[in-house]
């Protein structure tokens, strides 16, 4: 048979309903979308856990109980180039501040290095020319970026306002004035470092900021937010997720669908061989028919997964999609290979046996 004849016959089979293309289309579409969607949901949930930890400072560690070199602490920001980089800064307790608006009430203040301002602001270009205040302080005193803060000690400019929610993190910054000072201005009591992805070098880096011979033998590393598991491993959670087997499940379903699609028409295929159709032309026809309904179903499934990933992902929709589409692609591969293999096994000599079992 000529190529044009094979293609036209395959399209007529699809259009006339002989190949049950719509039912097979639905089988591939539903299996690919549901299994791929389950994978996408799992990855998005893992992604949300990671985002929640990052936002809650769950993986920010601090060294306490020693004397910290502020310059060495700030330099930790150059120690790695993780997914969101490394931010580090030092702090110490400052003088009590008495705003003129509330002369009978003093508020704690903390002297911090520029690196700490960048850490709490989450921005490597944070303004360090004035004090920073948490959202609650700004609300109570009517402060905003650029406001003048008048205190008993003088007037200073508010350089920034930051959020410090009550989610388990260290509460000292929840209601205080954060005053940036030079990293080389004396020493500090703590060094904080925020790094993602977390690795085993963080603790060693923190110990490297201690000033030798300054009573640092009792120093230790602790979490800034103790409300989360300290042994969280984002990579291990992803690699060991329960849905990592979805592509294999999809492949198995694809094989079943492909075999079923051919076996239900085996009498037709054996009869065509008996009428003189070559095996090559028959396999080409099977491949064209299967490729049309399975390909369209796979394309539709991937489109639905793309829409879901873009809509629901909180960070990297492309990574979610890359994990999810493996399943519909595996279904497609299974359908195509199984269809051709099942077609290859049909022989003209089986015609009468198939006819008797029809």
C-alpha atoms as a PDB file:
ATOM      1  CA  UNK A   1       0.000   0.000   0.000  1.00  0.00           C
ATOM      2  CA  UNK A   2       1.091   3.523  -0.723  1.00  0.00           C
ATOM      3  CA  UNK A   3       1.758   5.911   2.146  1.00  0.00           C
ATOM      4  CA  UNK A   4      -1.199   8.108   1.220  1.00  0.00           C
ATOM      5  CA  UNK A   5      -3.529   5.112   1.243  1.00  0.00           C
ATOM      6  CA  UNK A   6      -2.342   4.012   4.680  1.00  0.00           C
ATOM      7  CA  UNK A   7      -2.798   7.486   6.119  1.00  0.00           C
ATOM      8  CA  UNK A   8      -6.234   8.014   4.591  1.00  0.00           C
ATOM      9  CA  UNK A   9      -7.435   4.622   5.849  1.00  0.00           C
ATOM     10  CA  UNK A  10      -6.162   5.384   9.357  1.00  0.00           C
ATOM     11  CA  UNK A  11      -7.971   8.724   9.387  1.00  0.00           C
ATOM     12  CA  UNK A  12     -11.194   7.092   8.094  1.00  0.00           C
ATOM     13  CA  UNK A  13     -10.993   4.526  10.895  1.00  0.00           C
ATOM     14  CA  UNK A  14     -10.727   7.360  13.412  1.00  0.00           C
ATOM     15  CA  UNK A  15     -13.494   9.423  11.854  1.00  0.00           C
ATOM     16  CA  UNK A  16     -15.928   6.517  11.458  1.00  0.00           C
ATOM     17  CA  UNK A  17     -15.447   5.263  15.009  1.00  0.00           C
ATOM     18  CA  UNK A  18     -13.892   1.938  14.043  1.00  0.00           C
ATOM     19  CA  UNK A  19     -10.857   2.592  16.245  1.00  0.00           C
ATOM     20  CA  UNK A  20     -12.976   3.864  19.201  1.00  0.00           C
ATOM     21  CA  UNK A  21     -10.637   6.849  19.184  1.00  0.00           C
ATOM     22  CA  UNK A  22     -12.698   8.992  21.553  1.00  0.00           C
ATOM     23  CA  UNK A  23     -12.895   6.311  24.251  1.00  0.00           C
ATOM     24  CA  UNK A  24      -9.175   5.625  23.953  1.00  0.00           C
ATOM     25  CA  UNK A  25      -8.513   9.375  24.001  1.00  0.00           C
ATOM     26  CA  UNK A  26     -10.412   9.680  27.280  1.00  0.00           C
ATOM     27  CA  UNK A  27      -8.534   6.734  28.799  1.00  0.00           C
ATOM     28  CA  UNK A  28      -5.152   8.315  28.051  1.00  0.00           C
ATOM     29  CA  UNK A  29      -6.306  11.811  29.029  1.00  0.00           C
ATOM     30  CA  UNK A  30      -7.736  10.771  32.390  1.00  0.00           C
ATOM     31  CA  UNK A  31      -4.861   8.494  33.368  1.00  0.00           C
ATOM     32  CA  UNK A  32      -2.203  11.039  32.405  1.00  0.00           C
ATOM     33  CA  UNK A  33      -3.979  13.998  33.985  1.00  0.00           C
ATOM     34  CA  UNK A  34      -4.991  12.307  37.234  1.00  0.00           C
ATOM     35  CA  UNK A  35      -1.661  10.620  37.880  1.00  0.00           C
ATOM     36  CA  UNK A  36       0.317  13.647  36.715  1.00  0.00           C
ATOM     37  CA  UNK A  37      -1.922  15.917  38.766  1.00  0.00           C
ATOM     38  CA  UNK A  38      -1.277  13.820  41.863  1.00  0.00           C
ATOM     39  CA  UNK A  39       2.443  14.208  41.248  1.00  0.00           C
ATOM     40  CA  UNK A  40       2.025  17.956  40.770  1.00  0.00           C
ATOM     41  CA  UNK A  41       0.038  18.261  44.014  1.00  0.00           C
ATOM     42  CA  UNK A  42       2.736  16.410  45.927  1.00  0.00           C
ATOM     43  CA  UNK A  43       5.544  18.552  44.520  1.00  0.00           C
ATOM     44  CA  UNK A  44       3.588  21.758  45.186  1.00  0.00           C
ATOM     45  CA  UNK A  45       2.996  20.624  48.768  1.00  0.00           C
ATOM     46  CA  UNK A  46       6.734  20.022  49.232  1.00  0.00           C
ATOM     47  CA  UNK A  47       7.426  23.380  47.636  1.00  0.00           C
ATOM     48  CA  UNK A  48       4.953  25.064  50.005  1.00  0.00           C
ATOM     49  CA  UNK A  49       6.657  23.463  52.992  1.00  0.00           C
ATOM     50  CA  UNK A  50       9.989  24.836  51.836  1.00  0.00           C
ATOM     51  CA  UNK A  51       8.559  28.320  51.223  1.00  0.00           C
ATOM     52  CA  UNK A  52       6.925  28.285  54.650  1.00  0.00           C
ATOM     53  CA  UNK A  53      10.205  27.358  56.305  1.00  0.00           C
ATOM     54  CA  UNK A  54      12.095  30.052  54.413  1.00  0.00           C
ATOM     55  CA  UNK A  55       9.540  32.728  55.300  1.00  0.00           C
ATOM     56  CA  UNK A  56       9.468  31.656  58.947  1.00  0.00           C
ATOM     57  CA  UNK A  57      13.281  31.669  59.290  1.00  0.00           C
ATOM     58  CA  UNK A  58      13.081  27.990  60.224  1.00  0.00           C
ATOM     59  CA  UNK A  59      16.498  27.348  58.706  1.00  0.00           C
ATOM     60  CA  UNK A  60      18.190  30.445  60.099  1.00  0.00           C
ATOM     61  CA  UNK A  61      20.801  29.391  62.639  1.00  0.00           C
ATOM     62  CA  UNK A  62      22.486  31.555  65.234  1.00  0.00           C
ATOM     63  CA  UNK A  63      25.592  31.142  67.336  1.00  0.00           C
ATOM     64  CA  UNK A  64      25.089  32.320  70.908  1.00  0.00           C
ATOM     65  CA  UNK A  65      27.056  32.314  74.132  1.00  0.00           C
ATOM     66  CA  UNK A  66      30.239  33.738  72.659  1.00  0.00           C
ATOM     67  CA  UNK A  67      31.860  36.891  71.329  1.00  0.00           C
ATOM     68  CA  UNK A  68      31.277  37.430  67.606  1.00  0.00           C
ATOM     69  CA  UNK A  69      33.363  39.338  65.116  1.00  0.00           C
ATOM     70  CA  UNK A  70      30.802  41.414  63.202  1.00  0.00           C
ATOM     71  CA  UNK A  71      32.935  41.737  60.095  1.00  0.00           C
ATOM     72  CA  UNK A  72      33.527  37.984  59.899  1.00  0.00           C
ATOM     73  CA  UNK A  73      29.817  37.386  60.403  1.00  0.00           C
ATOM     74  CA  UNK A  74      28.781  39.717  57.577  1.00  0.00           C
ATOM     75  CA  UNK A  75      31.317  38.071  55.283  1.00  0.00           C
ATOM     76  CA  UNK A  76      29.437  34.793  55.571  1.00  0.00           C
ATOM     77  CA  UNK A  77      27.074  36.234  52.953  1.00  0.00           C
ATOM     78  CA  UNK A  78      29.840  35.509  50.428  1.00  0.00           C
ATOM     79  CA  UNK A  79      30.316  31.932  51.631  1.00  0.00           C
ATOM     80  CA  UNK A  80      27.812  30.257  49.319  1.00  0.00           C
ATOM     81  CA  UNK A  81      25.599  30.678  46.307  1.00  0.00           C
ATOM     82  CA  UNK A  82      22.573  28.554  47.168  1.00  0.00           C
ATOM     83  CA  UNK A  83      19.151  28.806  45.621  1.00  0.00           C
ATOM     84  CA  UNK A  84      18.357  32.074  47.388  1.00  0.00           C
ATOM     85  CA  UNK A  85      21.910  32.879  48.432  1.00  0.00           C
ATOM     86  CA  UNK A  86      23.354  33.328  51.898  1.00  0.00           C
ATOM     87  CA  UNK A  87      22.529  36.211  54.241  1.00  0.00           C
ATOM     88  CA  UNK A  88      24.280  36.735  57.568  1.00  0.00           C
ATOM     89  CA  UNK A  89      24.517  39.405  60.231  1.00  0.00           C
ATOM     90  CA  UNK A  90      25.496  40.004  63.838  1.00  0.00           C
ATOM     91  CA  UNK A  91      23.541  41.582  66.707  1.00  0.00           C
ATOM     92  CA  UNK A  92      23.852  42.713  70.293  1.00  0.00           C
ATOM     93  CA  UNK A  93      21.518  44.332  72.821  1.00  0.00           C
ATOM     94  CA  UNK A  94      21.481  48.128  72.645  1.00  0.00           C
ATOM     95  CA  UNK A  95      20.279  50.912  74.909  1.00  0.00           C
ATOM     96  CA  UNK A  96      16.629  51.272  75.846  1.00  0.00           C
ATOM     97  CA  UNK A  97      14.936  53.843  73.611  1.00  0.00           C
ATOM     98  CA  UNK A  98      12.316  56.262  74.938  1.00  0.00           C
ATOM     99  CA  UNK A  99      10.185  57.830  72.166  1.00  0.00           C
ATOM    100  CA  UNK A 100       9.054  61.372  72.871  1.00  0.00           C
ATOM    101  CA  UNK A 101       5.521  60.318  71.959  1.00  0.00           C
ATOM    102  CA  UNK A 102       5.492  57.950  74.968  1.00  0.00           C
ATOM    103  CA  UNK A 103       7.886  59.427  77.528  1.00  0.00           C
ATOM    104  CA  UNK A 104       6.954  56.890  80.154  1.00  0.00           C
ATOM    105  CA  UNK A 105       7.587  53.837  78.001  1.00  0.00           C
ATOM    106  CA  UNK A 106      10.966  52.565  76.900  1.00  0.00           C
ATOM    107  CA  UNK A 107      11.500  50.104  74.061  1.00  0.00           C
ATOM    108  CA  UNK A 108      14.357  47.691  73.542  1.00  0.00           C
ATOM    109  CA  UNK A 109      16.859  48.311  70.772  1.00  0.00           C
ATOM    110  CA  UNK A 110      19.441  46.102  69.130  1.00  0.00           C
ATOM    111  CA  UNK A 111      22.628  47.121  67.415  1.00  0.00           C
ATOM    112  CA  UNK A 112      23.069  45.093  64.256  1.00  0.00           C
ATOM    113  CA  UNK A 113      25.508  44.897  61.381  1.00  0.00           C
ATOM    114  CA  UNK A 114      24.395  45.818  57.854  1.00  0.00           C
ATOM    115  CA  UNK A 115      24.221  42.108  57.085  1.00  0.00           C
ATOM    116  CA  UNK A 116      21.523  41.623  59.727  1.00  0.00           C
ATOM    117  CA  UNK A 117      19.438  44.390  58.140  1.00  0.00           C
ATOM    118  CA  UNK A 118      19.692  42.586  54.814  1.00  0.00           C
ATOM    119  CA  UNK A 119      18.739  39.321  56.505  1.00  0.00           C
ATOM    120  CA  UNK A 120      15.571  40.620  58.194  1.00  0.00           C
ATOM    121  CA  UNK A 121      14.597  42.623  55.103  1.00  0.00           C
ATOM    122  CA  UNK A 122      15.311  39.720  52.760  1.00  0.00           C
ATOM    123  CA  UNK A 123      17.019  42.121  50.386  1.00  0.00           C
ATOM    124  CA  UNK A 124      20.720  42.395  49.681  1.00  0.00           C
ATOM    125  CA  UNK A 125      20.282  46.131  48.922  1.00  0.00           C
ATOM    126  CA  UNK A 126      18.419  47.102  52.096  1.00  0.00           C
ATOM    127  CA  UNK A 127      18.872  50.691  53.290  1.00  0.00           C
ATOM    128  CA  UNK A 128      21.135  50.876  56.362  1.00  0.00           C
ATOM    129  CA  UNK A 129      21.128  54.658  56.729  1.00  0.00           C
ATOM    130  CA  UNK A 130      18.553  54.647  59.540  1.00  0.00           C
ATOM    131  CA  UNK A 131      16.728  52.494  62.073  1.00  0.00           C
ATOM    132  CA  UNK A 132      14.422  49.647  61.128  1.00  0.00           C
ATOM    133  CA  UNK A 133      11.197  48.927  62.989  1.00  0.00           C
ATOM    134  CA  UNK A 134       8.846  45.937  62.955  1.00  0.00           C
ATOM    135  CA  UNK A 135       5.330  46.343  61.616  1.00  0.00           C
ATOM    136  CA  UNK A 136       3.727  46.527  65.079  1.00  0.00           C
ATOM    137  CA  UNK A 137       5.991  49.364  66.209  1.00  0.00           C
ATOM    138  CA  UNK A 138       5.383  51.243  62.981  1.00  0.00           C
ATOM    139  CA  UNK A 139       1.642  50.896  63.459  1.00  0.00           C
ATOM    140  CA  UNK A 140       1.639  52.009  67.098  1.00  0.00           C
ATOM    141  CA  UNK A 141       3.813  55.080  66.475  1.00  0.00           C
ATOM    142  CA  UNK A 142       2.546  55.966  63.017  1.00  0.00           C
ATOM    143  CA  UNK A 143       5.911  55.392  61.380  1.00  0.00           C
ATOM    144  CA  UNK A 144       6.703  54.699  57.740  1.00  0.00           C
ATOM    145  CA  UNK A 145       9.810  54.563  55.593  1.00  0.00           C
ATOM    146  CA  UNK A 146      11.369  58.025  55.724  1.00  0.00           C
ATOM    147  CA  UNK A 147       9.599  59.086  58.945  1.00  0.00           C
ATOM    148  CA  UNK A 148      11.502  60.957  61.624  1.00  0.00           C
ATOM    149  CA  UNK A 149      11.646  59.076  64.912  1.00  0.00           C
ATOM    150  CA  UNK A 150      12.017  61.476  67.846  1.00  0.00           C
ATOM    151  CA  UNK A 151      13.427  59.975  71.003  1.00  0.00           C
ATOM    152  CA  UNK A 152      14.917  61.299  74.229  1.00  0.00           C
ATOM    153  CA  UNK A 153      18.365  60.750  72.710  1.00  0.00           C
ATOM    154  CA  UNK A 154      17.584  62.665  69.515  1.00  0.00           C
ATOM    155  CA  UNK A 155      15.936  62.277  66.121  1.00  0.00           C
ATOM    156  CA  UNK A 156      16.671  59.548  63.647  1.00  0.00           C
ATOM    157  CA  UNK A 157      15.242  58.462  60.313  1.00  0.00           C
ATOM    158  CA  UNK A 158      13.237  55.291  59.766  1.00  0.00           C
ATOM    159  CA  UNK A 159      14.970  53.464  56.919  1.00  0.00           C
ATOM    160  CA  UNK A 160      12.648  50.490  56.748  1.00  0.00           C
ATOM    161  CA  UNK A 161       9.719  48.557  58.165  1.00  0.00           C
ATOM    162  CA  UNK A 162       9.796  44.759  58.337  1.00  0.00           C
ATOM    163  CA  UNK A 163       7.409  41.958  59.231  1.00  0.00           C
ATOM    164  CA  UNK A 164       8.185  39.791  62.230  1.00  0.00           C
ATOM    165  CA  UNK A 165       5.177  37.511  62.795  1.00  0.00           C
ATOM    166  CA  UNK A 166       4.615  35.338  65.837  1.00  0.00           C
ATOM    167  CA  UNK A 167       5.293  32.003  64.129  1.00  0.00           C
ATOM    168  CA  UNK A 168       7.752  30.518  66.580  1.00  0.00           C
ATOM    169  CA  UNK A 169      10.769  32.615  65.708  1.00  0.00           C
ATOM    170  CA  UNK A 170      12.870  34.594  68.198  1.00  0.00           C
ATOM    171  CA  UNK A 171      10.552  37.298  69.563  1.00  0.00           C
ATOM    172  CA  UNK A 172      13.165  39.925  70.438  1.00  0.00           C
ATOM    173  CA  UNK A 173      12.750  41.686  67.095  1.00  0.00           C
ATOM    174  CA  UNK A 174       8.937  41.638  67.334  1.00  0.00           C
ATOM    175  CA  UNK A 175       8.781  44.963  69.192  1.00  0.00           C
ATOM    176  CA  UNK A 176      12.106  46.761  69.164  1.00  0.00           C
ATOM    177  CA  UNK A 177      14.207  49.291  67.301  1.00  0.00           C
ATOM    178  CA  UNK A 178      16.852  47.758  65.065  1.00  0.00           C
ATOM    179  CA  UNK A 179      19.820  50.094  64.775  1.00  0.00           C
ATOM    180  CA  UNK A 180      22.452  49.426  62.081  1.00  0.00           C
ATOM    181  CA  UNK A 181      26.037  50.023  63.133  1.00  0.00           C
ATOM    182  CA  UNK A 182      29.384  49.366  61.531  1.00  0.00           C
ATOM    183  CA  UNK A 183      30.357  45.688  61.483  1.00  0.00           C
ATOM    184  CA  UNK A 184      33.747  46.667  62.884  1.00  0.00           C
ATOM    185  CA  UNK A 185      32.223  48.614  65.775  1.00  0.00           C
ATOM    186  CA  UNK A 186      33.376  46.517  68.740  1.00  0.00           C
ATOM    187  CA  UNK A 187      32.052  42.943  69.010  1.00  0.00           C
ATOM    188  CA  UNK A 188      28.625  41.349  69.036  1.00  0.00           C
ATOM    189  CA  UNK A 189      26.823  38.640  70.985  1.00  0.00           C
ATOM    190  CA  UNK A 190      25.233  36.614  68.197  1.00  0.00           C
ATOM    191  CA  UNK A 191      25.690  35.848  64.504  1.00  0.00           C
ATOM    192  CA  UNK A 192      22.745  34.719  62.385  1.00  0.00           C
ATOM    193  CA  UNK A 193      23.026  33.048  59.001  1.00  0.00           C
ATOM    194  CA  UNK A 194      20.273  32.264  56.517  1.00  0.00           C
ATOM    195  CA  UNK A 195      21.169  29.853  53.756  1.00  0.00           C
ATOM    196  CA  UNK A 196      19.107  27.875  51.268  1.00  0.00           C
ATOM    197  CA  UNK A 197      19.443  25.069  50.472  1.00  0.00           C
ATOM    198  CA  UNK A 198      20.707  24.192  53.928  1.00  0.00           C
ATOM    199  CA  UNK A 199      23.959  22.237  54.087  1.00  0.00           C
ATOM    200  CA  UNK A 200      26.206  20.812  56.735  1.00  0.00           C
ATOM    201  CA  UNK A 201      28.720  23.668  56.521  1.00  0.00           C
ATOM    202  CA  UNK A 202      26.512  26.222  58.253  1.00  0.00           C
ATOM    203  CA  UNK A 203      27.525  25.290  61.798  1.00  0.00           C
ATOM    204  CA  UNK A 204      31.243  25.400  60.963  1.00  0.00           C
ATOM    205  CA  UNK A 205      30.786  28.782  59.319  1.00  0.00           C
ATOM    206  CA  UNK A 206      29.140  30.178  62.428  1.00  0.00           C
ATOM    207  CA  UNK A 207      31.904  28.953  64.729  1.00  0.00           C
ATOM    208  CA  UNK A 208      34.406  30.665  62.441  1.00  0.00           C
ATOM    209  CA  UNK A 209      32.934  34.059  63.410  1.00  0.00           C
ATOM    210  CA  UNK A 210      33.890  33.740  67.090  1.00  0.00           C
ATOM    211  CA  UNK A 211      36.678  35.870  68.508  1.00  0.00           C
ATOM    212  CA  UNK A 212      39.426  33.584  69.794  1.00  0.00           C
ATOM    213  CA  UNK A 213      40.228  33.766  73.500  1.00  0.00           C
ATOM    214  CA  UNK A 214      37.109  35.739  74.436  1.00  0.00           C
ATOM    215  CA  UNK A 215      35.261  33.193  76.540  1.00  0.00           C
ATOM    216  CA  UNK A 216      33.701  31.477  73.554  1.00  0.00           C
ATOM    217  CA  UNK A 217      34.116  27.931  74.834  1.00  0.00           C
ATOM    218  CA  UNK A 218      30.439  27.812  75.826  1.00  0.00           C
ATOM    219  CA  UNK A 219      29.167  29.018  72.457  1.00  0.00           C
ATOM    220  CA  UNK A 220      26.627  26.900  70.627  1.00  0.00           C
ATOM    221  CA  UNK A 221      24.467  26.941  67.514  1.00  0.00           C
ATOM    222  CA  UNK A 222      20.696  27.115  67.772  1.00  0.00           C
ATOM    223  CA  UNK A 223      17.684  27.703  65.527  1.00  0.00           C
ATOM    224  CA  UNK A 224      16.154  31.162  65.381  1.00  0.00           C
ATOM    225  CA  UNK A 225      12.744  29.505  64.957  1.00  0.00           C
ATOM    226  CA  UNK A 226      12.426  26.387  67.093  1.00  0.00           C
ATOM    227  CA  UNK A 227       8.898  25.612  65.937  1.00  0.00           C
ATOM    228  CA  UNK A 228      10.127  23.566  62.970  1.00  0.00           C
ATOM    229  CA  UNK A 229      12.035  20.321  62.574  1.00  0.00           C
ATOM    230  CA  UNK A 230      15.752  21.026  62.733  1.00  0.00           C
ATOM    231  CA  UNK A 231      16.598  18.019  60.565  1.00  0.00           C
ATOM    232  CA  UNK A 232      14.550  18.973  57.521  1.00  0.00           C
ATOM    233  CA  UNK A 233      16.114  17.962  54.201  1.00  0.00           C
ATOM    234  CA  UNK A 234      14.311  19.431  51.190  1.00  0.00           C
ATOM    235  CA  UNK A 235      16.203  17.319  48.660  1.00  0.00           C
ATOM    236  CA  UNK A 236      15.561  14.071  50.536  1.00  0.00           C
ATOM    237  CA  UNK A 237      11.863  14.933  50.851  1.00  0.00           C
ATOM    238  CA  UNK A 238      11.635  15.403  47.097  1.00  0.00           C
ATOM    239  CA  UNK A 239      13.666  12.343  46.145  1.00  0.00           C
ATOM    240  CA  UNK A 240      11.724  10.082  48.537  1.00  0.00           C
ATOM    241  CA  UNK A 241       8.233  11.417  47.803  1.00  0.00           C
ATOM    242  CA  UNK A 242       5.561   8.732  47.426  1.00  0.00           C
ATOM    243  CA  UNK A 243       4.606   9.857  43.908  1.00  0.00           C
ATOM    244  CA  UNK A 244       8.043   9.312  42.403  1.00  0.00           C
ATOM    245  CA  UNK A 245       6.679   6.054  40.959  1.00  0.00           C
ATOM    246  CA  UNK A 246       3.856   7.750  39.018  1.00  0.00           C
ATOM    247  CA  UNK A 247       5.643   7.579  35.624  1.00  0.00           C
ATOM    248  CA  UNK A 248       6.012   3.823  36.018  1.00  0.00           C
ATOM    249  CA  UNK A 249       2.346   3.487  36.931  1.00  0.00           C
ATOM    250  CA  UNK A 250       1.497   5.613  33.895  1.00  0.00           C
ATOM    251  CA  UNK A 251       3.710   3.444  31.698  1.00  0.00           C
ATOM    252  CA  UNK A 252       1.909   0.301  32.894  1.00  0.00           C
ATOM    253  CA  UNK A 253      -1.494   1.868  32.224  1.00  0.00           C
ATOM    254  CA  UNK A 254      -0.323   2.959  28.791  1.00  0.00           C
ATOM    255  CA  UNK A 255       0.784  -0.576  27.972  1.00  0.00           C
ATOM    256  CA  UNK A 256      -2.636  -1.942  28.997  1.00  0.00           C
ATOM    257  CA  UNK A 257      -4.479   0.658  26.934  1.00  0.00           C
ATOM    258  CA  UNK A 258      -2.262   0.040  23.916  1.00  0.00           C
ATOM    259  CA  UNK A 259      -2.634  -3.728  24.060  1.00  0.00           C
ATOM    260  CA  UNK A 260      -6.391  -3.463  24.552  1.00  0.00           C
ATOM    261  CA  UNK A 261      -6.760  -1.086  21.612  1.00  0.00           C
ATOM    262  CA  UNK A 262      -5.099  -3.554  19.239  1.00  0.00           C
ATOM    263  CA  UNK A 263      -6.419  -6.856  20.619  1.00  0.00           C
ATOM    264  CA  UNK A 264     -10.047  -5.759  20.328  1.00  0.00           C
ATOM    265  CA  UNK A 265      -9.417  -5.402  16.551  1.00  0.00           C
ATOM    266  CA  UNK A 266      -7.193  -8.433  16.036  1.00  0.00           C
ATOM    267  CA  UNK A 267      -9.741 -10.176  13.805  1.00  0.00           C
ATOM    268  CA  UNK A 268      -9.806  -7.088  11.574  1.00  0.00           C
ATOM    269  CA  UNK A 269      -6.017  -6.952  11.421  1.00  0.00           C
ATOM    270  CA  UNK A 270      -5.641 -10.680  10.681  1.00  0.00           C
ATOM    271  CA  UNK A 271      -8.274 -10.354   7.939  1.00  0.00           C
ATOM    272  CA  UNK A 272      -6.394  -7.432   6.400  1.00  0.00           C
ATOM    273  CA  UNK A 273      -3.234  -9.520   6.264  1.00  0.00           C
ATOM    274  CA  UNK A 274      -5.210 -12.331   4.624  1.00  0.00           C
ATOM    275  CA  UNK A 275      -6.440  -9.836   2.031  1.00  0.00           C
ATOM    276  CA  UNK A 276      -2.904  -8.912   1.095  1.00  0.00           C
ATOM    277  CA  UNK A 277      -1.989  -5.992   3.345  1.00  0.00           C
ATOM    278  CA  UNK A 278       1.694  -5.997   4.247  1.00  0.00           C
ATOM    279  CA  UNK A 279       2.768  -6.110   7.885  1.00  0.00           C
ATOM    280  CA  UNK A 280       4.707  -2.867   7.477  1.00  0.00           C
ATOM    281  CA  UNK A 281       1.656  -1.020   6.144  1.00  0.00           C
ATOM    282  CA  UNK A 282      -0.465  -2.436   8.944  1.00  0.00           C
ATOM    283  CA  UNK A 283       1.974  -1.359  11.649  1.00  0.00           C
ATOM    284  CA  UNK A 284       2.177   2.100  10.092  1.00  0.00           C
ATOM    285  CA  UNK A 285      -1.600   2.364  10.177  1.00  0.00           C
ATOM    286  CA  UNK A 286      -1.708   1.239  13.804  1.00  0.00           C
ATOM    287  CA  UNK A 287       0.987   3.769  14.655  1.00  0.00           C
ATOM    288  CA  UNK A 288      -0.845   6.612  12.917  1.00  0.00           C
ATOM    289  CA  UNK A 289      -4.183   5.859  14.553  1.00  0.00           C
ATOM    290  CA  UNK A 290      -2.655   5.409  17.984  1.00  0.00           C
ATOM    291  CA  UNK A 291      -0.452   8.449  17.602  1.00  0.00           C
ATOM    292  CA  UNK A 292      -3.443  10.668  16.776  1.00  0.00           C
ATOM    293  CA  UNK A 293      -5.689   9.853  19.742  1.00  0.00           C
ATOM    294  CA  UNK A 294      -2.872   9.200  22.218  1.00  0.00           C
ATOM    295  CA  UNK A 295      -0.904  12.253  21.089  1.00  0.00           C
ATOM    296  CA  UNK A 296      -3.904  14.588  21.348  1.00  0.00           C
ATOM    297  CA  UNK A 297      -4.754  13.197  24.783  1.00  0.00           C
ATOM    298  CA  UNK A 298      -1.179  13.641  25.972  1.00  0.00           C
ATOM    299  CA  UNK A 299      -1.069  17.206  24.650  1.00  0.00           C
ATOM    300  CA  UNK A 300      -4.336  18.029  26.422  1.00  0.00           C
ATOM    301  CA  UNK A 301      -3.112  16.422  29.640  1.00  0.00           C
ATOM    302  CA  UNK A 302       0.142  18.389  29.584  1.00  0.00           C
ATOM    303  CA  UNK A 303      -1.799  21.606  28.896  1.00  0.00           C
ATOM    304  CA  UNK A 304      -4.027  20.994  31.926  1.00  0.00           C
ATOM    305  CA  UNK A 305      -0.999  20.249  34.102  1.00  0.00           C
ATOM    306  CA  UNK A 306       0.683  23.436  32.868  1.00  0.00           C
ATOM    307  CA  UNK A 307      -2.340  25.504  33.850  1.00  0.00           C
ATOM    308  CA  UNK A 308      -2.449  23.838  37.263  1.00  0.00           C
ATOM    309  CA  UNK A 309       1.272  24.324  37.910  1.00  0.00           C
ATOM    310  CA  UNK A 310       1.202  28.002  36.920  1.00  0.00           C
ATOM    311  CA  UNK A 311      -1.891  28.627  39.038  1.00  0.00           C
ATOM    312  CA  UNK A 312      -0.931  26.722  42.179  1.00  0.00           C
ATOM    313  CA  UNK A 313       2.857  26.802  42.417  1.00  0.00           C
ATOM    314  CA  UNK A 314       4.235  29.244  44.977  1.00  0.00           C
ATOM    315  CA  UNK A 315       7.768  29.271  43.672  1.00  0.00           C
ATOM    316  CA  UNK A 316       8.898  27.432  40.548  1.00  0.00           C
ATOM    317  CA  UNK A 317       6.032  26.281  38.318  1.00  0.00           C
ATOM    318  CA  UNK A 318       8.467  24.991  35.694  1.00  0.00           C
ATOM    319  CA  UNK A 319       9.948  22.506  38.193  1.00  0.00           C
ATOM    320  CA  UNK A 320       6.450  21.329  39.151  1.00  0.00           C
ATOM    321  CA  UNK A 321       5.509  20.901  35.497  1.00  0.00           C
ATOM    322  CA  UNK A 322       8.731  19.046  34.694  1.00  0.00           C
ATOM    323  CA  UNK A 323       7.905  16.497  37.382  1.00  0.00           C
ATOM    324  CA  UNK A 324       4.215  16.206  36.496  1.00  0.00           C
ATOM    325  CA  UNK A 325       4.437  15.777  32.700  1.00  0.00           C
ATOM    326  CA  UNK A 326       6.643  12.724  33.009  1.00  0.00           C
ATOM    327  CA  UNK A 327       3.545  10.661  33.755  1.00  0.00           C
ATOM    328  CA  UNK A 328       1.403  11.562  30.702  1.00  0.00           C
ATOM    329  CA  UNK A 329       4.511  11.197  28.529  1.00  0.00           C
ATOM    330  CA  UNK A 330       5.080   7.760  30.050  1.00  0.00           C
ATOM    331  CA  UNK A 331       1.453   6.849  29.320  1.00  0.00           C
ATOM    332  CA  UNK A 332       1.930   7.938  25.707  1.00  0.00           C
ATOM    333  CA  UNK A 333       5.147   5.943  25.374  1.00  0.00           C
ATOM    334  CA  UNK A 334       3.493   2.863  26.832  1.00  0.00           C
ATOM    335  CA  UNK A 335       0.501   3.148  24.500  1.00  0.00           C
ATOM    336  CA  UNK A 336       2.629   3.552  21.375  1.00  0.00           C
ATOM    337  CA  UNK A 337       5.106   0.782  22.113  1.00  0.00           C
ATOM    338  CA  UNK A 338       2.429  -1.657  23.294  1.00  0.00           C
ATOM    339  CA  UNK A 339       0.204  -0.967  20.278  1.00  0.00           C
ATOM    340  CA  UNK A 340       2.978  -1.614  17.797  1.00  0.00           C
ATOM    341  CA  UNK A 341       4.218  -4.676  19.654  1.00  0.00           C
ATOM    342  CA  UNK A 342       0.714  -6.135  19.930  1.00  0.00           C
ATOM    343  CA  UNK A 343       0.180  -5.446  16.233  1.00  0.00           C
ATOM    344  CA  UNK A 344       3.465  -7.133  15.399  1.00  0.00           C
ATOM    345  CA  UNK A 345       2.293 -10.353  17.098  1.00  0.00           C
ATOM    346  CA  UNK A 346      -0.851 -10.646  14.962  1.00  0.00           C
ATOM    347  CA  UNK A 347      -0.389 -13.081  12.048  1.00  0.00           C
ATOM    348  CA  UNK A 348      -2.525 -14.085   9.107  1.00  0.00           C
ATOM    349  CA  UNK A 349      -2.509 -17.712  10.317  1.00  0.00           C
ATOM    350  CA  UNK A 350      -4.491 -16.678  13.396  1.00  0.00           C
ATOM    351  CA  UNK A 351      -7.474 -15.477  11.344  1.00  0.00           C
ATOM    352  CA  UNK A 352      -9.688 -18.534  11.707  1.00  0.00           C
ATOM    353  CA  UNK A 353      -8.904 -18.938  15.428  1.00  0.00           C
ATOM    354  CA  UNK A 354      -9.867 -15.313  16.000  1.00  0.00           C
ATOM    355  CA  UNK A 355     -12.989 -15.804  13.905  1.00  0.00           C
ATOM    356  CA  UNK A 356     -14.096 -18.776  16.022  1.00  0.00           C
ATOM    357  CA  UNK A 357     -13.570 -16.792  19.253  1.00  0.00           C
ATOM    358  CA  UNK A 358     -15.282 -13.641  18.070  1.00  0.00           C
END
